[in-house]
């Protein structure tokens, strides 16, 4: 969500930059579109301020080759949450195409540890 907030505030949408003070009615995104209301809502998210209020356990998975969400966002969340575990997957993309089984195992182990 943090990258969504930043795109709304900067207008730096991959493949289609826009003026965040004059948001277009819709912007192309992958095979579809995102609406002006999407970006207006994103500008008001305050994700890190919201995240730091949560004190329960959090599991963060991030790929170093993610083209949508840079790994810096995972590190920032890790520093904001009181009880987070961060797992960085080398050369993995946004959808964990190379290591889905390993990602699922990490999440499963995390959830089992939380019960």
Protein backbone atom coordinates (compact mmCIF):
# COMPACT_ATOMS: atom_id res chain seq x y z
CA UNK A 1 0.00 0.00 0.00
CA UNK A 2 2.89 2.38 0.60
CA UNK A 3 3.89 2.39 -3.05
CA UNK A 4 0.25 3.13 -3.95
CA UNK A 5 0.28 6.13 -1.60
CA UNK A 6 3.55 7.35 -3.12
CA UNK A 7 2.24 6.99 -6.70
CA UNK A 8 -0.84 8.99 -5.74
CA UNK A 9 1.31 11.75 -4.25
CA UNK A 10 4.04 11.85 -6.93
CA UNK A 11 2.18 10.76 -10.06
CA UNK A 12 5.03 8.37 -10.85
CA UNK A 13 2.92 5.49 -12.16
CA UNK A 14 5.09 2.95 -14.01
CA UNK A 15 4.51 3.45 -17.72
CA UNK A 16 2.21 6.45 -17.30
CA UNK A 17 3.28 9.40 -15.15
CA UNK A 18 0.68 12.05 -14.34
CA UNK A 19 0.35 15.34 -12.48
CA UNK A 20 -0.89 14.44 -8.97
CA UNK A 21 -2.59 17.83 -8.70
CA UNK A 22 -4.46 17.24 -11.97
CA UNK A 23 -5.13 13.50 -12.01
CA UNK A 24 -6.54 12.14 -15.29
CA UNK A 25 -9.97 10.53 -15.26
CA UNK A 26 -8.25 7.18 -15.73
CA UNK A 27 -4.70 5.93 -16.22
CA UNK A 28 -3.63 2.73 -17.98
CA UNK A 29 -2.27 0.05 -15.69
CA UNK A 30 -1.32 -3.37 -17.06
CA UNK A 31 -4.32 -4.68 -19.04
CA UNK A 32 -6.79 -2.24 -17.47
CA UNK A 33 -7.16 1.21 -15.98
CA UNK A 34 -7.05 2.90 -12.59
CA UNK A 35 -9.49 5.71 -11.90
CA UNK A 36 -8.95 9.24 -10.65
CA UNK A 37 -10.74 8.26 -7.42
CA UNK A 38 -8.23 5.46 -6.89
CA UNK A 39 -5.36 7.94 -6.86
CA UNK A 40 -7.26 10.51 -4.78
CA UNK A 41 -7.91 7.83 -2.17
CA UNK A 42 -4.27 6.71 -2.33
CA UNK A 43 -3.09 10.23 -1.54
CA UNK A 44 -4.86 9.99 1.83
CA UNK A 45 -3.72 6.54 2.99
CA UNK A 46 -0.96 7.35 5.55
CA UNK A 47 0.09 3.71 5.53
CA UNK A 48 3.14 3.87 7.79
CA UNK A 49 1.31 5.87 10.45
CA UNK A 50 -1.46 3.27 10.38
CA UNK A 51 0.94 0.33 10.35
CA UNK A 52 2.89 1.49 13.40
CA UNK A 53 -0.30 1.30 15.50
CA UNK A 54 -0.46 -2.48 15.00
CA UNK A 55 1.56 -4.38 17.59
CA UNK A 56 0.86 -7.96 16.53
CA UNK A 57 3.11 -10.25 14.51
CA UNK A 58 3.65 -9.40 10.83
CA UNK A 59 5.24 -11.43 8.04
CA UNK A 60 6.78 -9.45 5.17
CA UNK A 61 7.90 -11.16 1.97
CA UNK A 62 9.69 -9.21 -0.75
CA UNK A 63 11.48 -10.05 -3.96
CA UNK A 64 14.60 -8.15 -4.95
CA UNK A 65 13.49 -8.09 -8.61
CA UNK A 66 10.00 -6.73 -7.90
CA UNK A 67 9.34 -4.08 -10.57
CA UNK A 68 6.21 -2.72 -8.84
CA UNK A 69 7.34 -2.44 -5.24
CA UNK A 70 11.03 -1.76 -4.56
CA UNK A 71 12.58 -3.69 -1.67
CA UNK A 72 13.05 -0.43 0.26
CA UNK A 73 9.34 -0.50 1.07
CA UNK A 74 9.67 -3.89 2.78
CA UNK A 75 12.55 -2.61 4.90
CA UNK A 76 10.60 0.49 5.91
CA UNK A 77 7.59 -1.61 6.94
CA UNK A 78 9.92 -3.93 8.85
CA UNK A 79 11.23 -0.93 10.79
CA UNK A 80 7.74 0.40 11.47
CA UNK A 81 6.07 -2.76 12.79
CA UNK A 82 6.79 -3.76 16.38
CA UNK A 83 6.90 -7.52 15.66
CA UNK A 84 7.80 -8.13 12.03
CA UNK A 85 9.73 -10.84 10.29
CA UNK A 86 11.21 -9.89 6.95
CA UNK A 87 12.01 -12.44 4.25
CA UNK A 88 13.84 -11.17 1.18
CA UNK A 89 13.80 -13.46 -1.87
CA UNK A 90 16.77 -12.87 -4.17
CA UNK A 91 15.86 -12.26 -7.83
CA UNK A 92 12.16 -12.84 -7.12
CA UNK A 93 9.40 -10.74 -8.74
CA UNK A 94 6.18 -9.27 -7.36
CA UNK A 95 4.21 -12.50 -7.77
CA UNK A 96 6.95 -14.88 -6.56
CA UNK A 97 6.91 -16.79 -9.85
CA UNK A 98 10.23 -18.54 -9.19
CA UNK A 99 9.68 -19.53 -5.55
CA UNK A 100 5.95 -19.75 -4.86
CA UNK A 101 6.33 -22.97 -2.93
CA UNK A 102 9.06 -21.49 -0.71
CA UNK A 103 7.04 -18.30 -0.18
CA UNK A 104 4.00 -20.39 0.80
CA UNK A 105 6.16 -22.38 3.24
CA UNK A 106 7.45 -19.19 4.86
CA UNK A 107 3.92 -17.87 5.32
CA UNK A 108 2.63 -21.23 6.58
CA UNK A 109 5.45 -21.51 9.13
CA UNK A 110 4.83 -17.93 10.25
CA UNK A 111 1.12 -18.55 10.75
CA UNK A 112 1.74 -21.79 12.62
CA UNK A 113 4.17 -19.96 14.91
CA UNK A 114 1.46 -17.40 15.68
CA UNK A 115 -1.12 -19.90 16.93
